[in-house]
Amino acid sequence: MPDVTVKLAIGNFSVEVTGEQAYVDKKIEELVARFLSRKPSGEPAPAPSAPPETGGKQMSPAEFVKLSKAKNQMDRALVLGYYLEKVSGYSGFTSSELAELGKQIKQPFANASDAVARLTGRGLMMSSGDKEGQRAYALTASGETYVETLIEAEAKK
């Protein structure tokens, strides 16, 4: 039987397993159970603060921004970056993609590249290589935590 390769990437966690189908299936199940079902402290992983899907459909970027307490363009850029990573499954995004999302939700950025540069300087975003000839970015752990607090703050209202 030919070998198969399975690549699994969730957030910052990624793994690639190659081998016979039964071996690959078993290893993926073990890795998911070991690394994704529990926090390192042994406590069960918390439910996501903002579910990416409602009623079987993916949440729109506008709905996701409304879930947050984003007050300005910087907050909105972080929330939309979080949306691209966590809901849409992007491993990185460009400032052009953020600008396009801003237009889609009818809250355009004055300058998305400037917002990204400022957030990178504050340590809430970081460079993640290139994507289609443009510099790509990703949220840092601090950026993700900040967005989650924006979402939780709005949920408590």
N, C-alpha and C. Protein backbone atom coordinates (compact mmCIF):
# COMPACT_ATOMS: atom_id res chain seq x y z
N MET A 1 0.85 -1.17 0.00
CA MET A 1 0.00 0.00 0.00
C MET A 1 0.91 1.24 0.00
N PRO A 2 0.60 2.24 -0.82
CA PRO A 2 1.45 3.43 -0.89
C PRO A 2 1.33 4.28 0.37
N ASP A 3 2.43 5.02 0.66
CA ASP A 3 2.42 5.92 1.80
C ASP A 3 1.54 7.13 1.50
N VAL A 4 0.96 7.69 2.57
CA VAL A 4 0.19 8.92 2.46
C VAL A 4 0.83 9.95 3.37
N THR A 5 0.62 11.21 3.06
CA THR A 5 1.10 12.30 3.88
C THR A 5 -0.08 13.17 4.26
N VAL A 6 -0.20 13.46 5.56
CA VAL A 6 -1.26 14.32 6.05
C VAL A 6 -0.60 15.49 6.76
N LYS A 7 -1.01 16.69 6.37
CA LYS A 7 -0.55 17.91 7.02
C LYS A 7 -1.72 18.51 7.77
N LEU A 8 -1.50 18.84 9.03
CA LEU A 8 -2.54 19.43 9.87
C LEU A 8 -1.97 20.71 10.46
N ALA A 9 -2.67 21.83 10.26
CA ALA A 9 -2.24 23.11 10.81
C ALA A 9 -3.43 23.78 11.46
N ILE A 10 -3.31 24.08 12.74
CA ILE A 10 -4.34 24.79 13.49
C ILE A 10 -3.64 25.88 14.29
N GLY A 11 -3.88 27.13 13.93
CA GLY A 11 -3.20 28.23 14.60
C GLY A 11 -1.70 28.10 14.41
N ASN A 12 -0.96 28.14 15.51
CA ASN A 12 0.49 28.02 15.45
C ASN A 12 0.94 26.55 15.48
N PHE A 13 0.03 25.64 15.67
CA PHE A 13 0.34 24.22 15.73
C PHE A 13 0.26 23.62 14.34
N SER A 14 1.32 22.94 13.92
CA SER A 14 1.27 22.24 12.64
C SER A 14 2.09 20.96 12.74
N VAL A 15 1.65 19.95 12.00
CA VAL A 15 2.33 18.66 12.01
C VAL A 15 2.12 18.00 10.65
N GLU A 16 3.11 17.20 10.25
CA GLU A 16 3.02 16.44 9.01
C GLU A 16 3.42 15.00 9.34
N VAL A 17 2.57 14.08 8.94
CA VAL A 17 2.83 12.66 9.20
C VAL A 17 2.77 11.91 7.87
N THR A 18 3.78 11.07 7.63
CA THR A 18 3.85 10.27 6.41
C THR A 18 3.98 8.80 6.79
N GLY A 19 3.28 7.95 6.07
CA GLY A 19 3.35 6.51 6.31
C GLY A 19 2.12 5.83 5.74
N GLU A 20 1.91 4.59 6.18
CA GLU A 20 0.72 3.87 5.75
C GLU A 20 -0.52 4.53 6.35
N GLN A 21 -1.64 4.42 5.68
CA GLN A 21 -2.87 5.10 6.08
C GLN A 21 -3.23 4.85 7.55
N ALA A 22 -3.19 3.61 8.00
CA ALA A 22 -3.56 3.29 9.38
C ALA A 22 -2.62 3.98 10.37
N TYR A 23 -1.32 3.97 10.06
CA TYR A 23 -0.34 4.62 10.93
C TYR A 23 -0.58 6.12 11.00
N VAL A 24 -0.82 6.74 9.84
CA VAL A 24 -1.03 8.19 9.78
C VAL A 24 -2.29 8.56 10.57
N ASP A 25 -3.38 7.82 10.37
CA ASP A 25 -4.61 8.09 11.10
C ASP A 25 -4.40 8.01 12.60
N LYS A 26 -3.70 6.97 13.05
CA LYS A 26 -3.46 6.77 14.47
C LYS A 26 -2.61 7.90 15.04
N LYS A 27 -1.55 8.30 14.34
CA LYS A 27 -0.65 9.35 14.81
C LYS A 27 -1.36 10.70 14.88
N ILE A 28 -2.15 11.01 13.87
CA ILE A 28 -2.88 12.29 13.88
C ILE A 28 -3.84 12.33 15.07
N GLU A 29 -4.57 11.23 15.29
CA GLU A 29 -5.49 11.17 16.44
C GLU A 29 -4.74 11.35 17.75
N GLU A 30 -3.58 10.70 17.89
CA GLU A 30 -2.78 10.83 19.12
C GLU A 30 -2.31 12.27 19.31
N LEU A 31 -1.82 12.89 18.24
CA LEU A 31 -1.31 14.25 18.34
C LEU A 31 -2.42 15.25 18.66
N VAL A 32 -3.57 15.09 18.02
CA VAL A 32 -4.69 15.97 18.31
C VAL A 32 -5.12 15.81 19.76
N ALA A 33 -5.22 14.58 20.22
CA ALA A 33 -5.62 14.35 21.61
C ALA A 33 -4.59 14.91 22.58
N ARG A 34 -3.33 14.77 22.25
CA ARG A 34 -2.26 15.20 23.15
C ARG A 34 -2.09 16.72 23.18
N PHE A 35 -2.12 17.36 22.01
CA PHE A 35 -1.77 18.77 21.96
C PHE A 35 -2.94 19.74 21.80
N LEU A 36 -4.05 19.28 21.28
CA LEU A 36 -5.13 20.22 21.01
C LEU A 36 -6.32 20.09 21.94
N SER A 37 -6.45 19.00 22.66
CA SER A 37 -7.61 18.85 23.52
C SER A 37 -7.39 19.41 24.91
N ARG A 38 -6.14 19.61 25.31
CA ARG A 38 -5.87 20.06 26.67
C ARG A 38 -4.84 21.18 26.65
N LYS A 39 -4.95 22.05 27.65
CA LYS A 39 -3.93 23.06 27.84
C LYS A 39 -2.73 22.38 28.50
N PRO A 40 -1.52 22.96 28.43
CA PRO A 40 -0.35 22.33 29.02
C PRO A 40 -0.51 22.03 30.51
N SER A 41 -1.34 22.78 31.23
CA SER A 41 -1.52 22.55 32.66
C SER A 41 -2.38 21.33 32.95
N GLY A 42 -2.95 20.72 31.90
CA GLY A 42 -3.77 19.54 32.10
C GLY A 42 -5.25 19.86 32.19
N GLU A 43 -5.60 21.17 32.19
CA GLU A 43 -7.00 21.56 32.22
C GLU A 43 -7.59 21.42 30.83
N PRO A 44 -8.88 21.17 30.72
CA PRO A 44 -9.48 21.12 29.39
C PRO A 44 -9.34 22.47 28.70
N ALA A 45 -9.19 22.43 27.40
CA ALA A 45 -9.07 23.67 26.63
C ALA A 45 -10.38 24.42 26.69
N PRO A 46 -10.33 25.76 26.84
CA PRO A 46 -11.57 26.53 26.91
C PRO A 46 -12.23 26.60 25.54
N ALA A 47 -13.53 26.81 25.56
CA ALA A 47 -14.24 27.01 24.30
C ALA A 47 -13.80 28.34 23.71
N PRO A 48 -13.74 28.47 22.39
CA PRO A 48 -13.36 29.74 21.81
C PRO A 48 -14.30 30.85 22.26
N SER A 49 -13.76 32.04 22.48
CA SER A 49 -14.58 33.14 22.98
C SER A 49 -15.57 33.64 21.93
N ALA A 50 -15.25 33.46 20.67
CA ALA A 50 -16.16 33.87 19.60
C ALA A 50 -16.24 32.74 18.59
N PRO A 51 -17.34 31.99 18.58
CA PRO A 51 -17.42 30.86 17.67
C PRO A 51 -17.34 31.31 16.22
N PRO A 52 -16.51 30.63 15.40
CA PRO A 52 -16.37 31.03 14.01
C PRO A 52 -17.60 30.73 13.16
N GLU A 53 -18.44 29.85 13.61
CA GLU A 53 -19.61 29.49 12.81
C GLU A 53 -20.86 29.64 13.64
N THR A 54 -21.91 30.10 13.01
CA THR A 54 -23.21 30.19 13.66
C THR A 54 -24.23 29.54 12.74
N GLY A 55 -24.96 28.58 13.25
CA GLY A 55 -25.99 27.93 12.46
C GLY A 55 -25.45 27.18 11.26
N GLY A 56 -24.20 26.68 11.33
CA GLY A 56 -23.63 25.93 10.24
C GLY A 56 -23.01 26.78 9.15
N LYS A 57 -23.09 28.10 9.27
CA LYS A 57 -22.50 28.99 8.27
C LYS A 57 -21.37 29.77 8.90
N GLN A 58 -20.39 30.11 8.07
CA GLN A 58 -19.27 30.89 8.57
C GLN A 58 -19.71 32.32 8.83
N MET A 59 -19.23 32.87 9.94
CA MET A 59 -19.55 34.24 10.31
C MET A 59 -18.88 35.21 9.33
N SER A 60 -19.56 36.27 8.96
CA SER A 60 -19.00 37.27 8.05
C SER A 60 -18.02 38.16 8.81
N PRO A 61 -17.11 38.82 8.09
CA PRO A 61 -16.18 39.73 8.76
C PRO A 61 -16.91 40.85 9.50
N ALA A 62 -17.98 41.37 8.93
CA ALA A 62 -18.74 42.45 9.58
C ALA A 62 -19.35 41.97 10.90
N GLU A 63 -19.91 40.76 10.89
CA GLU A 63 -20.48 40.20 12.12
C GLU A 63 -19.40 40.02 13.18
N PHE A 64 -18.23 39.58 12.74
CA PHE A 64 -17.14 39.33 13.67
C PHE A 64 -16.66 40.64 14.30
N VAL A 65 -16.55 41.69 13.50
CA VAL A 65 -16.12 42.98 14.04
C VAL A 65 -17.17 43.49 15.03
N LYS A 66 -18.44 43.26 14.75
CA LYS A 66 -19.50 43.69 15.67
C LYS A 66 -19.43 42.95 17.01
N LEU A 67 -18.84 41.74 17.02
CA LEU A 67 -18.67 41.01 18.27
C LEU A 67 -17.64 41.65 19.20
N SER A 68 -16.83 42.53 18.64
CA SER A 68 -15.73 43.11 19.40
C SER A 68 -16.05 44.53 19.83
N LYS A 69 -15.18 45.03 20.68
CA LYS A 69 -15.28 46.41 21.15
C LYS A 69 -14.21 47.24 20.46
N ALA A 70 -14.00 47.01 19.16
CA ALA A 70 -12.99 47.74 18.39
C ALA A 70 -13.39 49.20 18.31
N LYS A 71 -12.50 50.08 18.82
CA LYS A 71 -12.81 51.50 18.89
C LYS A 71 -12.20 52.31 17.76
N ASN A 72 -11.13 51.80 17.17
CA ASN A 72 -10.41 52.59 16.18
C ASN A 72 -9.86 51.67 15.08
N GLN A 73 -9.14 52.26 14.13
CA GLN A 73 -8.62 51.48 13.00
C GLN A 73 -7.62 50.42 13.45
N MET A 74 -6.83 50.73 14.47
CA MET A 74 -5.84 49.76 14.94
C MET A 74 -6.54 48.53 15.51
N ASP A 75 -7.55 48.76 16.35
CA ASP A 75 -8.32 47.64 16.90
C ASP A 75 -8.99 46.85 15.78
N ARG A 76 -9.57 47.57 14.82
CA ARG A 76 -10.27 46.90 13.71
C ARG A 76 -9.30 46.07 12.88
N ALA A 77 -8.08 46.58 12.66
CA ALA A 77 -7.08 45.81 11.91
C ALA A 77 -6.73 44.53 12.65
N LEU A 78 -6.59 44.61 13.97
CA LEU A 78 -6.30 43.41 14.76
C LEU A 78 -7.46 42.41 14.70
N VAL A 79 -8.68 42.91 14.85
CA VAL A 79 -9.85 42.03 14.83
C VAL A 79 -9.98 41.36 13.47
N LEU A 80 -9.77 42.11 12.40
CA LEU A 80 -9.87 41.51 11.07
C LEU A 80 -8.72 40.53 10.81
N GLY A 81 -7.53 40.82 11.31
CA GLY A 81 -6.42 39.87 11.21
C GLY A 81 -6.74 38.58 11.95
N TYR A 82 -7.32 38.73 13.14
CA TYR A 82 -7.74 37.57 13.94
C TYR A 82 -8.79 36.77 13.16
N TYR A 83 -9.73 37.48 12.54
CA TYR A 83 -10.76 36.82 11.74
C TYR A 83 -10.13 36.00 10.61
N LEU A 84 -9.17 36.61 9.91
CA LEU A 84 -8.53 35.90 8.79
C LEU A 84 -7.79 34.66 9.28
N GLU A 85 -7.13 34.75 10.44
CA GLU A 85 -6.38 33.61 10.95
C GLU A 85 -7.27 32.53 11.55
N LYS A 86 -8.17 32.93 12.43
CA LYS A 86 -8.94 31.94 13.21
C LYS A 86 -10.21 31.46 12.51
N VAL A 87 -10.87 32.34 11.80
CA VAL A 87 -12.14 31.94 11.16
C VAL A 87 -11.90 31.46 9.73
N SER A 88 -11.09 32.23 8.98
CA SER A 88 -10.86 31.87 7.58
C SER A 88 -9.69 30.92 7.38
N GLY A 89 -8.87 30.72 8.41
CA GLY A 89 -7.79 29.74 8.34
C GLY A 89 -6.54 30.21 7.62
N TYR A 90 -6.36 31.51 7.44
CA TYR A 90 -5.15 32.02 6.80
C TYR A 90 -3.96 31.83 7.74
N SER A 91 -2.81 31.51 7.17
CA SER A 91 -1.60 31.42 8.00
C SER A 91 -0.90 32.77 8.09
N GLY A 92 -1.25 33.67 7.21
CA GLY A 92 -0.73 35.03 7.21
C GLY A 92 -1.62 35.86 6.30
N PHE A 93 -1.55 37.17 6.44
CA PHE A 93 -2.38 38.05 5.64
C PHE A 93 -1.57 39.29 5.29
N THR A 94 -1.99 39.97 4.24
CA THR A 94 -1.30 41.18 3.79
C THR A 94 -2.12 42.40 4.19
N SER A 95 -1.48 43.55 4.17
CA SER A 95 -2.21 44.79 4.47
C SER A 95 -3.27 45.05 3.39
N SER A 96 -3.02 44.59 2.17
CA SER A 96 -4.02 44.73 1.10
C SER A 96 -5.27 43.91 1.41
N GLU A 97 -5.08 42.72 1.96
CA GLU A 97 -6.23 41.89 2.34
C GLU A 97 -7.03 42.56 3.46
N LEU A 98 -6.32 43.17 4.42
CA LEU A 98 -7.03 43.89 5.48
C LEU A 98 -7.80 45.08 4.91
N ALA A 99 -7.16 45.81 3.98
CA ALA A 99 -7.82 46.96 3.36
C ALA A 99 -9.08 46.51 2.62
N GLU A 100 -9.00 45.39 1.92
CA GLU A 100 -10.15 44.88 1.18
C GLU A 100 -11.27 44.48 2.14
N LEU A 101 -10.92 43.84 3.25
CA LEU A 101 -11.95 43.49 4.24
C LEU A 101 -12.59 44.74 4.83
N GLY A 102 -11.78 45.77 5.07
CA GLY A 102 -12.32 47.03 5.57
C GLY A 102 -13.37 47.59 4.63
N LYS A 103 -13.10 47.51 3.33
CA LYS A 103 -14.08 47.98 2.33
C LYS A 103 -15.33 47.11 2.36
N GLN A 104 -15.13 45.78 2.48
CA GLN A 104 -16.27 44.86 2.48
C GLN A 104 -17.22 45.13 3.64
N ILE A 105 -16.66 45.47 4.80
CA ILE A 105 -17.51 45.70 5.97
C ILE A 105 -17.96 47.16 6.07
N LYS A 106 -17.64 47.95 5.03
CA LYS A 106 -18.03 49.36 4.94
C LYS A 106 -17.42 50.21 6.06
N GLN A 107 -16.19 49.83 6.46
CA GLN A 107 -15.40 50.60 7.41
C GLN A 107 -13.97 50.65 6.89
N PRO A 108 -13.77 51.36 5.75
CA PRO A 108 -12.45 51.34 5.13
C PRO A 108 -11.37 51.98 6.01
N PHE A 109 -10.15 51.51 5.82
CA PHE A 109 -9.01 52.05 6.53
C PHE A 109 -8.51 53.29 5.80
N ALA A 110 -8.04 54.28 6.54
CA ALA A 110 -7.39 55.43 5.92
C ALA A 110 -6.09 54.95 5.28
N ASN A 111 -5.35 54.08 6.00
CA ASN A 111 -4.11 53.52 5.49
C ASN A 111 -3.84 52.21 6.23
N ALA A 112 -4.22 51.10 5.64
CA ALA A 112 -4.07 49.79 6.30
C ALA A 112 -2.60 49.47 6.54
N SER A 113 -1.72 49.84 5.62
CA SER A 113 -0.29 49.56 5.79
C SER A 113 0.26 50.28 7.02
N ASP A 114 -0.19 51.52 7.25
CA ASP A 114 0.26 52.27 8.41
C ASP A 114 -0.22 51.59 9.70
N ALA A 115 -1.48 51.15 9.72
CA ALA A 115 -2.01 50.47 10.90
C ALA A 115 -1.21 49.20 11.19
N VAL A 116 -0.90 48.44 10.16
CA VAL A 116 -0.13 47.21 10.33
C VAL A 116 1.27 47.54 10.84
N ALA A 117 1.90 48.58 10.29
CA ALA A 117 3.24 48.96 10.74
C ALA A 117 3.22 49.37 12.22
N ARG A 118 2.23 50.11 12.63
CA ARG A 118 2.12 50.52 14.04
C ARG A 118 1.89 49.32 14.95
N LEU A 119 1.03 48.41 14.52
CA LEU A 119 0.75 47.22 15.33
C LEU A 119 1.97 46.31 15.42
N THR A 120 2.74 46.25 14.35
CA THR A 120 3.98 45.48 14.36
C THR A 120 4.96 46.11 15.34
N GLY A 121 5.05 47.43 15.32
CA GLY A 121 5.92 48.14 16.25
C GLY A 121 5.51 47.95 17.70
N ARG A 122 4.23 47.79 17.96
CA ARG A 122 3.72 47.56 19.32
C ARG A 122 3.81 46.09 19.73
N GLY A 123 4.23 45.23 18.81
CA GLY A 123 4.37 43.81 19.13
C GLY A 123 3.07 43.02 19.09
N LEU A 124 2.03 43.57 18.46
CA LEU A 124 0.76 42.87 18.37
C LEU A 124 0.62 42.11 17.06
N MET A 125 1.44 42.47 16.07
CA MET A 125 1.54 41.74 14.81
C MET A 125 3.01 41.52 14.53
N MET A 126 3.28 40.55 13.65
CA MET A 126 4.66 40.29 13.25
C MET A 126 4.68 39.86 11.79
N SER A 127 5.84 40.03 11.17
CA SER A 127 6.00 39.60 9.79
C SER A 127 5.98 38.08 9.74
N SER A 128 5.33 37.54 8.71
CA SER A 128 5.29 36.07 8.58
C SER A 128 5.68 35.64 7.17
N GLY A 129 6.63 36.35 6.58
CA GLY A 129 7.11 35.97 5.25
C GLY A 129 6.42 36.77 4.16
N ASP A 130 6.36 36.16 2.98
CA ASP A 130 5.74 36.81 1.82
C ASP A 130 4.54 36.02 1.37
N LYS A 131 3.59 36.74 0.77
CA LYS A 131 2.38 36.13 0.24
C LYS A 131 2.05 36.86 -1.05
N GLU A 132 2.10 36.17 -2.15
CA GLU A 132 1.79 36.74 -3.46
C GLU A 132 2.59 38.01 -3.73
N GLY A 133 3.87 37.99 -3.38
CA GLY A 133 4.76 39.11 -3.65
C GLY A 133 4.66 40.27 -2.66
N GLN A 134 3.84 40.13 -1.64
CA GLN A 134 3.71 41.18 -0.61
C GLN A 134 4.12 40.62 0.73
N ARG A 135 4.53 41.50 1.63
CA ARG A 135 4.87 41.06 2.98
C ARG A 135 3.61 40.59 3.69
N ALA A 136 3.70 39.44 4.33
CA ALA A 136 2.57 38.89 5.07
C ALA A 136 2.79 39.11 6.57
N TYR A 137 1.70 39.16 7.30
CA TYR A 137 1.74 39.40 8.73
C TYR A 137 0.88 38.37 9.45
N ALA A 138 1.13 38.22 10.73
CA ALA A 138 0.33 37.36 11.59
C ALA A 138 0.23 38.04 12.94
N LEU A 139 -0.80 37.73 13.70
CA LEU A 139 -0.92 38.25 15.04
C LEU A 139 0.05 37.52 15.95
N THR A 140 0.62 38.24 16.90
CA THR A 140 1.44 37.61 17.93
C THR A 140 0.50 37.07 19.00
N ALA A 141 1.04 36.35 19.95
CA ALA A 141 0.22 35.85 21.06
C ALA A 141 -0.41 37.03 21.81
N SER A 142 0.35 38.11 21.97
CA SER A 142 -0.18 39.30 22.64
C SER A 142 -1.32 39.91 21.83
N GLY A 143 -1.18 39.91 20.50
CA GLY A 143 -2.24 40.43 19.63
C GLY A 143 -3.50 39.60 19.74
N GLU A 144 -3.35 38.28 19.76
CA GLU A 144 -4.51 37.40 19.90
C GLU A 144 -5.21 37.63 21.23
N THR A 145 -4.42 37.74 22.29
CA THR A 145 -4.99 37.98 23.63
C THR A 145 -5.75 39.30 23.66
N TYR A 146 -5.17 40.33 23.05
CA TYR A 146 -5.82 41.64 23.02
C TYR A 146 -7.17 41.56 22.29
N VAL A 147 -7.21 40.89 21.15
CA VAL A 147 -8.47 40.75 20.40
C VAL A 147 -9.48 39.97 21.23
N GLU A 148 -9.05 38.92 21.90
CA GLU A 148 -9.97 38.13 22.72
C GLU A 148 -10.54 38.97 23.86
N THR A 149 -9.75 39.90 24.41
CA THR A 149 -10.29 40.79 25.45
C THR A 149 -11.30 41.77 24.85
N LEU A 150 -11.06 42.22 23.62
CA LEU A 150 -12.03 43.10 22.95
C LEU A 150 -13.35 42.37 22.74
N ILE A 151 -13.27 41.10 22.36
CA ILE A 151 -14.49 40.31 22.12
C ILE A 151 -15.21 40.03 23.45
N GLU A 152 -14.44 39.65 24.48
CA GLU A 152 -15.05 39.36 25.78
C GLU A 152 -15.68 40.60 26.38
N ALA A 153 -15.03 41.76 26.23
CA ALA A 153 -15.56 43.00 26.77
C ALA A 153 -16.91 43.33 26.13
N GLU A 154 -17.05 43.11 24.84
CA GLU A 154 -18.30 43.38 24.15
C GLU A 154 -19.37 42.36 24.56
N ALA A 155 -18.96 41.11 24.79
CA ALA A 155 -19.91 40.07 25.17
C ALA A 155 -20.49 40.33 26.56
N LYS A 156 -19.73 41.01 27.44
CA LYS A 156 -20.20 41.28 28.80
C LYS A 156 -21.21 42.42 28.85
N LYS A 157 -21.33 43.18 27.77
CA LYS A 157 -22.28 44.30 27.75
C LYS A 157 -23.70 43.83 27.87
